[in-house]
Amino acid sequence: MQDNSSKKDFRPVIALSLGDAAGIGPELCILASQSPSLRRLLQPVLIGPSDVIAAAAKLWAPEAALLPWDGQSDSLGSRIIRFVHCGDLSSWPRGHADANCGRAGYDAVVRACRGVLAGEFDAMTTAPLSKEAVNLAGIAFCGHTELVAELSGSDDFVMMQSSRRHKLQVSFATCHMSLATAAATLDGARVKRAALLLHQALIAGGIPSPKLAACGLNPHAGEGGYLGREEIDIVIPALEELRRDGIDIAGPFPADTLFVPRLRARFDGLVAMYHDQGHIPFKMLAFDCGVNCTLGLPIIRTSPDHGTAYDIAWQGRAGTGSFFAALKMAAELARQKRDKNTSGHRQ
């Protein structure tokens, strides 16, 4: 990891886990490594099987030189792809879930995370990885969010979806689990954690007094208990505790109205109770620019808000908006972290 003395010159080193070799991850990583606008902000290092990286580079950056990562940043104008070989994958399918791709993608995430924890990299951005493929490899895997949290020893973490273009930030009280499990798992502690970490993230992002709002779990936020008691028994008491602790949070609101522009515009961040409750409206608005960020970790981890896109894999059709936005956010968070640490050392 580089240690420039000047804040202005600081280009954080971002580890890019290659994702699913059968999906669009390799294409996205190669395109990111050769983007002049990104390279002005950061030094990308690709993590994954070298054969996959070489095959993707041949298609989308044929003039670039592939060089192993040596801990030194390259000049801005250089046509170089820095990589860390991780996992052997000499052949792979295109466009469907495969156990070998799942294993290789999983190993790349683990290597990237360990590199950030060790200080080798400043942050990590994960390309899309199929949960099905990883589980086909015999590895219990419900998502990057939970894996990176486990690897970094984090218990208090939540997923946040963010779109600066739409001024929309959404955190989740529950995440990668079935709807039945989410309803059974939801408790006051999860609601409070999602709100508190979102509150802290918004303050760190420059909003000194964030205004939050929470969805209810049930249709119409339970209709006073006639459509479910979770709001009465869980959500409302949790929100009241948050308010007593100084968190400005309204709700619970019916989820089908909270995301309507006129209402959500009143708030800086929203708390969803389960995965699809927040993801569906968020992706309807920001699929091409949304970023997934895990809050509560000791490291910085971001990702695009889309999946492996098997239907367009290895065809040169992958949209880069969300992935590039994820890298920009990782770089910005890394600079904020460095500036904070530098300021702390001077005090």
Protein backbone atom coordinates (compact mmCIF):
# COMPACT_ATOMS: atom_id res chain seq x y z
CA MET A 1 0.00 0.00 0.00
CA GLN A 2 1.40 3.36 -0.98
CA ASP A 3 2.21 6.04 1.61
CA ASN A 4 2.30 9.38 -0.18
CA SER A 5 3.10 12.28 2.09
CA SER A 6 0.75 14.61 0.23
CA LYS A 7 -3.01 14.21 0.59
CA LYS A 8 -3.41 15.66 -2.91
CA ASP A 9 -1.21 12.94 -4.43
CA PHE A 10 -2.77 10.06 -2.52
CA ARG A 11 -4.16 7.39 -4.87
CA PRO A 12 -5.57 4.61 -2.71
CA VAL A 13 -4.85 1.05 -3.74
CA ILE A 14 -8.13 -0.77 -4.34
CA ALA A 15 -8.29 -4.56 -4.55
CA LEU A 16 -10.80 -5.69 -7.19
CA SER A 17 -11.94 -9.26 -6.61
CA LEU A 18 -12.69 -10.65 -10.07
CA GLY A 19 -16.11 -12.07 -9.22
CA ASP A 20 -17.63 -14.94 -11.17
CA ALA A 21 -15.49 -15.87 -14.16
CA ALA A 22 -18.63 -16.99 -15.99
CA GLY A 23 -20.22 -13.56 -15.55
CA ILE A 24 -19.38 -9.94 -16.31
CA GLY A 25 -16.91 -9.44 -13.46
CA PRO A 26 -13.72 -9.99 -15.51
CA GLU A 27 -14.89 -7.53 -18.16
CA LEU A 28 -15.73 -4.88 -15.57
CA CYS A 29 -12.40 -5.27 -13.79
CA ILE A 30 -10.36 -4.95 -16.98
CA LEU A 31 -12.31 -1.90 -18.10
CA ALA A 32 -11.86 -0.32 -14.67
CA SER A 33 -8.13 -0.97 -14.71
CA GLN A 34 -7.78 0.96 -17.96
CA SER A 35 -10.14 3.86 -17.24
CA PRO A 36 -8.18 7.16 -17.17
CA SER A 37 -10.75 8.81 -14.90
CA LEU A 38 -10.52 6.00 -12.37
CA ARG A 39 -6.74 5.75 -12.51
CA ARG A 40 -6.48 9.42 -11.59
CA LEU A 41 -8.34 8.56 -8.38
CA LEU A 42 -6.94 5.15 -7.46
CA GLN A 43 -4.55 2.29 -8.20
CA PRO A 44 -6.55 -0.84 -9.13
CA VAL A 45 -5.19 -4.31 -8.39
CA LEU A 46 -7.12 -7.25 -9.81
CA ILE A 47 -7.45 -10.37 -7.62
CA GLY A 48 -8.28 -13.67 -9.30
CA PRO A 49 -7.07 -16.46 -11.60
CA SER A 50 -4.41 -15.15 -13.95
CA ASP A 51 -5.80 -17.15 -16.89
CA VAL A 52 -9.16 -15.42 -16.56
CA ILE A 53 -7.53 -12.00 -16.22
CA ALA A 54 -5.38 -12.65 -19.30
CA ALA A 55 -8.35 -13.81 -21.38
CA ALA A 56 -10.39 -10.75 -20.42
CA ALA A 57 -7.44 -8.43 -21.06
CA LYS A 58 -6.97 -9.92 -24.54
CA LEU A 59 -10.53 -8.88 -25.39
CA TRP A 60 -10.82 -5.49 -23.69
CA ALA A 61 -7.26 -4.23 -23.21
CA PRO A 62 -5.06 -6.03 -25.77
CA GLU A 63 -2.27 -3.45 -25.57
CA ALA A 64 -1.97 -3.54 -21.80
CA ALA A 65 0.83 -5.38 -20.02
CA LEU A 66 -0.12 -7.79 -17.23
CA LEU A 67 2.24 -7.47 -14.28
CA PRO A 68 2.06 -9.02 -10.80
CA TRP A 69 1.36 -6.52 -8.04
CA ASP A 70 4.62 -5.39 -6.44
CA GLY A 71 3.29 -2.87 -3.94
CA GLN A 72 4.23 0.14 -6.10
CA SER A 73 1.73 2.39 -7.88
CA ASP A 74 2.05 2.78 -11.63
CA SER A 75 2.18 6.10 -13.45
CA LEU A 76 -1.13 7.47 -14.66
CA GLY A 77 -0.35 7.03 -18.32
CA SER A 78 0.91 3.47 -18.14
CA ARG A 79 -0.92 0.68 -19.96
CA ILE A 80 -0.48 -1.82 -17.15
CA ILE A 81 -2.84 -4.21 -15.40
CA ARG A 82 -1.61 -5.11 -11.94
CA PHE A 83 -2.92 -8.38 -10.54
CA VAL A 84 -2.57 -10.92 -7.77
CA HIS A 85 -2.98 -14.48 -8.97
CA CYS A 86 -5.48 -16.34 -6.82
CA GLY A 87 -7.03 -19.69 -7.72
CA ASP A 88 -6.35 -21.95 -10.67
CA LEU A 89 -8.97 -21.79 -13.42
CA SER A 90 -7.59 -22.70 -16.83
CA SER A 91 -11.04 -23.15 -18.38
CA TRP A 92 -14.48 -21.93 -17.39
CA PRO A 93 -17.97 -21.70 -18.85
CA ARG A 94 -19.63 -18.54 -19.98
CA GLY A 95 -23.07 -17.61 -18.83
CA HIS A 96 -24.08 -20.09 -16.14
CA ALA A 97 -23.31 -21.08 -12.57
CA ASP A 98 -20.31 -23.38 -12.19
CA ALA A 99 -18.74 -24.83 -9.05
CA ASN A 100 -15.13 -24.14 -10.14
CA CYS A 101 -15.97 -20.52 -10.89
CA GLY A 102 -17.69 -20.29 -7.54
CA ARG A 103 -14.64 -21.57 -5.71
CA ALA A 104 -12.28 -19.24 -7.59
CA GLY A 105 -14.51 -16.23 -7.01
CA TYR A 106 -14.81 -17.02 -3.31
CA ASP A 107 -11.04 -17.41 -2.95
CA ALA A 108 -10.51 -14.02 -4.63
CA VAL A 109 -12.79 -12.30 -2.12
CA VAL A 110 -10.95 -13.94 0.78
CA ARG A 111 -7.56 -12.91 -0.64
CA ALA A 112 -8.68 -9.33 -1.24
CA CYS A 113 -10.16 -9.02 2.24
CA ARG A 114 -7.06 -10.39 3.92
CA GLY A 115 -4.95 -7.97 1.91
CA VAL A 116 -6.97 -5.00 3.12
CA LEU A 117 -6.86 -6.25 6.71
CA ALA A 118 -3.07 -6.58 6.45
CA GLY A 119 -2.65 -3.06 5.05
CA GLU A 120 -1.58 -4.27 1.61
CA PHE A 121 -4.59 -2.50 0.06
CA ASP A 122 -6.57 0.54 1.18
CA ALA A 123 -10.00 -0.86 0.28
CA MET A 124 -11.72 -3.56 -1.73
CA THR A 125 -14.43 -3.56 -4.40
CA THR A 126 -16.06 -6.86 -5.21
CA ALA A 127 -17.25 -7.76 -8.70
CA PRO A 128 -20.49 -9.80 -8.87
CA LEU A 129 -20.31 -13.39 -7.64
CA SER A 130 -23.05 -16.00 -7.96
CA LYS A 131 -24.24 -17.35 -4.62
CA GLU A 132 -25.43 -20.45 -6.43
CA ALA A 133 -21.98 -21.09 -7.94
CA VAL A 134 -20.23 -20.78 -4.58
CA ASN A 135 -22.69 -23.13 -2.92
CA LEU A 136 -22.23 -25.60 -5.80
CA ALA A 137 -18.57 -25.67 -4.76
CA GLY A 138 -19.63 -26.90 -1.33
CA ILE A 139 -19.09 -23.55 0.41
CA ALA A 140 -21.92 -22.13 2.50
CA PHE A 141 -22.26 -18.60 1.11
CA CYS A 142 -25.15 -16.17 1.39
CA GLY A 143 -23.35 -13.07 0.15
CA HIS A 144 -20.28 -10.84 0.12
CA THR A 145 -21.68 -8.75 2.97
CA GLU A 146 -21.74 -11.60 5.45
CA LEU A 147 -18.47 -13.18 4.24
CA VAL A 148 -16.42 -9.98 4.53
CA ALA A 149 -17.95 -9.29 7.93
CA GLU A 150 -16.96 -12.77 9.12
CA LEU A 151 -13.42 -12.47 7.74
CA SER A 152 -12.96 -9.10 9.43
CA GLY A 153 -14.43 -10.24 12.73
CA SER A 154 -17.41 -7.90 12.55
CA ASP A 155 -20.70 -8.59 14.32
CA ASP A 156 -22.36 -5.18 13.99
CA PHE A 157 -22.67 -4.59 10.27
CA VAL A 158 -25.39 -3.72 7.77
CA MET A 159 -25.74 -3.34 4.04
CA MET A 160 -26.28 0.14 2.62
CA GLN A 161 -27.33 0.92 -0.93
CA SER A 162 -26.30 4.40 -2.02
CA SER A 163 -26.91 6.63 -5.04
CA ARG A 164 -25.56 10.16 -4.94
CA ARG A 165 -27.31 11.04 -8.16
CA HIS A 166 -30.66 10.33 -6.53
CA LYS A 167 -29.64 11.44 -3.01
CA LEU A 168 -30.80 8.07 -1.75
CA GLN A 169 -29.24 5.92 0.98
CA VAL A 170 -30.97 2.77 2.23
CA SER A 171 -29.81 0.45 5.01
CA PHE A 172 -31.27 -2.95 5.82
CA ALA A 173 -32.30 -4.42 9.16
CA THR A 174 -32.09 -7.92 7.64
CA CYS A 175 -30.38 -8.87 4.42
CA HIS A 176 -29.51 -12.12 2.63
CA MET A 177 -32.11 -14.52 4.00
CA SER A 178 -35.48 -15.87 2.99
CA LEU A 179 -38.51 -13.68 3.57
CA ALA A 180 -39.80 -16.09 6.20
CA THR A 181 -36.46 -16.03 8.01
CA ALA A 182 -36.29 -12.24 7.83
CA ALA A 183 -39.70 -11.88 9.47
CA ALA A 184 -38.77 -14.37 12.18
CA THR A 185 -35.33 -12.82 12.75
CA LEU A 186 -36.31 -9.16 12.88
CA ASP A 187 -35.93 -7.65 16.33
CA GLY A 188 -35.34 -4.27 17.89
CA ALA A 189 -31.57 -4.68 17.95
CA ARG A 190 -31.45 -5.16 14.17
CA VAL A 191 -33.64 -2.14 13.54
CA LYS A 192 -31.53 0.05 15.82
CA ARG A 193 -28.26 -1.18 14.34
CA ALA A 194 -29.39 -0.43 10.76
CA ALA A 195 -30.48 3.07 11.75
CA LEU A 196 -27.44 3.88 13.89
CA LEU A 197 -24.86 2.77 11.31
CA LEU A 198 -26.73 4.65 8.58
CA HIS A 199 -26.81 7.74 10.81
CA GLN A 200 -23.05 7.50 11.36
CA ALA A 201 -22.34 6.98 7.66
CA LEU A 202 -24.35 10.05 6.70
CA ILE A 203 -22.52 12.20 9.25
CA ALA A 204 -19.19 10.92 7.90
CA GLY A 205 -20.43 11.82 4.42
CA GLY A 206 -20.99 15.44 5.36
CA ILE A 207 -24.56 15.57 6.69
CA PRO A 208 -24.21 16.83 10.28
CA SER A 209 -27.79 16.15 11.42
CA PRO A 210 -29.28 13.37 9.27
CA LYS A 211 -33.01 12.87 9.05
CA LEU A 212 -33.97 9.19 8.77
CA ALA A 213 -37.17 7.28 8.15
CA ALA A 214 -38.00 3.60 8.64
CA CYS A 215 -40.29 1.27 6.76
CA GLY A 216 -42.72 -1.01 8.53
CA LEU A 217 -42.43 -4.75 7.99
CA ASN A 218 -46.04 -5.40 7.03
CA PRO A 219 -48.28 -3.94 4.33
CA HIS A 220 -49.56 -0.50 5.37
CA ALA A 221 -47.09 -0.67 8.30
CA GLY A 222 -49.38 -3.15 10.00
CA GLU A 223 -52.59 -1.05 10.02
CA GLY A 224 -52.51 -0.69 13.80
CA GLY A 225 -51.97 -4.41 14.29
CA TYR A 226 -54.67 -5.66 11.93
CA LEU A 227 -52.08 -6.68 9.31
CA GLY A 228 -49.42 -7.84 11.78
CA ARG A 229 -48.03 -6.78 15.13
CA GLU A 230 -44.33 -6.45 14.26
CA GLU A 231 -44.62 -2.67 14.05
CA ILE A 232 -46.23 -2.46 17.48
CA ASP A 233 -44.02 -5.04 19.17
CA ILE A 234 -40.66 -4.43 17.45
CA VAL A 235 -40.29 -1.47 15.12
CA ILE A 236 -42.02 1.32 17.04
CA PRO A 237 -40.25 0.57 20.35
CA ALA A 238 -36.91 0.48 18.53
CA LEU A 239 -37.56 3.83 16.87
CA GLU A 240 -38.57 5.34 20.20
CA GLU A 241 -35.29 4.19 21.74
CA LEU A 242 -33.36 5.69 18.84
CA ARG A 243 -35.11 9.03 19.30
CA ARG A 244 -34.27 9.02 23.00
CA ASP A 245 -30.65 8.49 21.97
CA GLY A 246 -30.75 11.56 19.74
CA ILE A 247 -31.35 9.89 16.35
CA ASP A 248 -33.82 11.83 14.19
CA ILE A 249 -35.89 9.01 12.71
CA ALA A 250 -39.52 8.99 11.61
CA GLY A 251 -41.88 6.11 10.98
CA PRO A 252 -42.64 3.37 10.55
CA PHE A 253 -44.06 4.21 7.13
CA PRO A 254 -45.72 1.87 4.65
CA ALA A 255 -42.87 0.85 2.34
CA ASP A 256 -44.98 1.38 -0.78
CA THR A 257 -45.27 5.10 -0.01
CA LEU A 258 -41.95 5.91 1.69
CA PHE A 259 -40.05 5.64 -1.61
CA VAL A 260 -42.42 8.00 -3.44
CA PRO A 261 -40.27 11.03 -4.39
CA ARG A 262 -42.21 13.67 -2.47
CA LEU A 263 -41.99 11.72 0.80
CA ARG A 264 -38.47 10.32 0.57
CA ALA A 265 -37.14 13.77 -0.35
CA ARG A 266 -37.79 14.79 3.27
CA PHE A 267 -35.15 12.35 4.52
CA ASP A 268 -31.42 11.76 4.11
CA GLY A 269 -31.59 8.01 4.62
CA LEU A 270 -34.15 5.20 4.80
CA VAL A 271 -34.17 1.96 6.78
CA ALA A 272 -35.72 -1.10 5.11
CA MET A 273 -36.73 -4.15 7.12
CA TYR A 274 -35.75 -6.79 4.55
CA HIS A 275 -33.84 -7.21 1.29
CA ASP A 276 -36.41 -6.76 -1.45
CA GLN A 277 -38.32 -4.06 0.41
CA GLY A 278 -35.41 -1.71 -0.18
CA HIS A 279 -33.67 -3.23 -3.18
CA ILE A 280 -36.61 -3.19 -5.58
CA PRO A 281 -37.36 0.55 -5.36
CA PHE A 282 -33.67 1.41 -5.11
CA LYS A 283 -32.78 -0.47 -8.27
CA MET A 284 -35.79 0.92 -10.11
CA LEU A 285 -34.26 4.34 -9.49
CA ALA A 286 -30.51 3.74 -9.52
CA PHE A 287 -29.63 0.45 -11.19
CA ASP A 288 -26.98 2.08 -13.39
CA CYS A 289 -25.26 4.06 -10.63
CA GLY A 290 -26.06 2.45 -7.28
CA VAL A 291 -23.36 1.26 -4.90
CA ASN A 292 -23.51 -1.37 -2.20
CA CYS A 293 -21.37 -0.54 0.86
CA THR A 294 -21.06 -2.61 4.03
CA LEU A 295 -21.28 -0.41 7.12
CA GLY A 296 -19.73 -1.32 10.45
CA LEU A 297 -16.59 -3.03 9.14
CA PRO A 298 -13.00 -2.20 10.14
CA ILE A 299 -12.21 -2.10 6.41
CA ILE A 300 -13.75 -0.45 3.34
CA ARG A 301 -15.73 -2.68 1.02
CA THR A 302 -17.99 -1.61 -1.84
CA SER A 303 -19.64 -3.35 -4.79
CA PRO A 304 -22.00 -2.63 -7.68
CA ASP A 305 -25.68 -3.15 -7.00
CA HIS A 306 -26.18 -5.73 -9.77
CA GLY A 307 -25.37 -9.40 -10.27
CA THR A 308 -23.33 -11.57 -12.60
CA ALA A 309 -25.49 -10.86 -15.69
CA TYR A 310 -24.82 -14.29 -17.16
CA ASP A 311 -26.97 -13.45 -20.20
CA ILE A 312 -24.45 -10.87 -21.47
CA ALA A 313 -21.21 -12.33 -20.07
CA TRP A 314 -18.07 -12.11 -22.23
CA GLN A 315 -19.94 -10.21 -24.95
CA GLY A 316 -18.59 -6.70 -24.36
CA ARG A 317 -22.02 -5.47 -23.28
CA ALA A 318 -21.57 -4.89 -19.57
CA GLY A 319 -22.52 -1.45 -18.29
CA THR A 320 -19.80 0.08 -16.13
CA GLY A 321 -21.78 2.77 -14.29
CA SER A 322 -22.49 0.97 -11.02
CA PHE A 323 -19.08 -0.74 -10.83
CA PHE A 324 -17.17 2.47 -11.52
CA ALA A 325 -19.31 4.28 -8.94
CA ALA A 326 -18.43 1.58 -6.41
CA LEU A 327 -14.72 2.10 -7.07
CA LYS A 328 -15.03 5.87 -6.76
CA MET A 329 -16.80 5.48 -3.44
CA ALA A 330 -14.12 3.06 -2.19
CA ALA A 331 -11.42 5.57 -3.14
CA GLU A 332 -13.25 8.46 -1.49
CA LEU A 333 -13.80 6.50 1.73
CA ALA A 334 -10.14 5.50 1.73
CA ARG A 335 -9.10 9.14 1.44
CA GLN A 336 -11.48 10.13 4.23
CA LYS A 337 -10.04 7.39 6.44
CA ARG A 338 -6.46 8.45 5.69
CA ASP A 339 -7.24 12.12 6.33
CA LYS A 340 -8.91 11.25 9.63
CA ASN A 341 -5.96 9.12 10.71
CA THR A 342 -3.51 11.84 9.66
CA SER A 343 -5.45 14.50 11.58
CA GLY A 344 -5.56 12.25 14.63
CA HIS A 345 -1.80 11.76 14.59
CA ARG A 346 -1.25 15.53 14.49
CA GLN A 347 -3.41 16.23 17.52
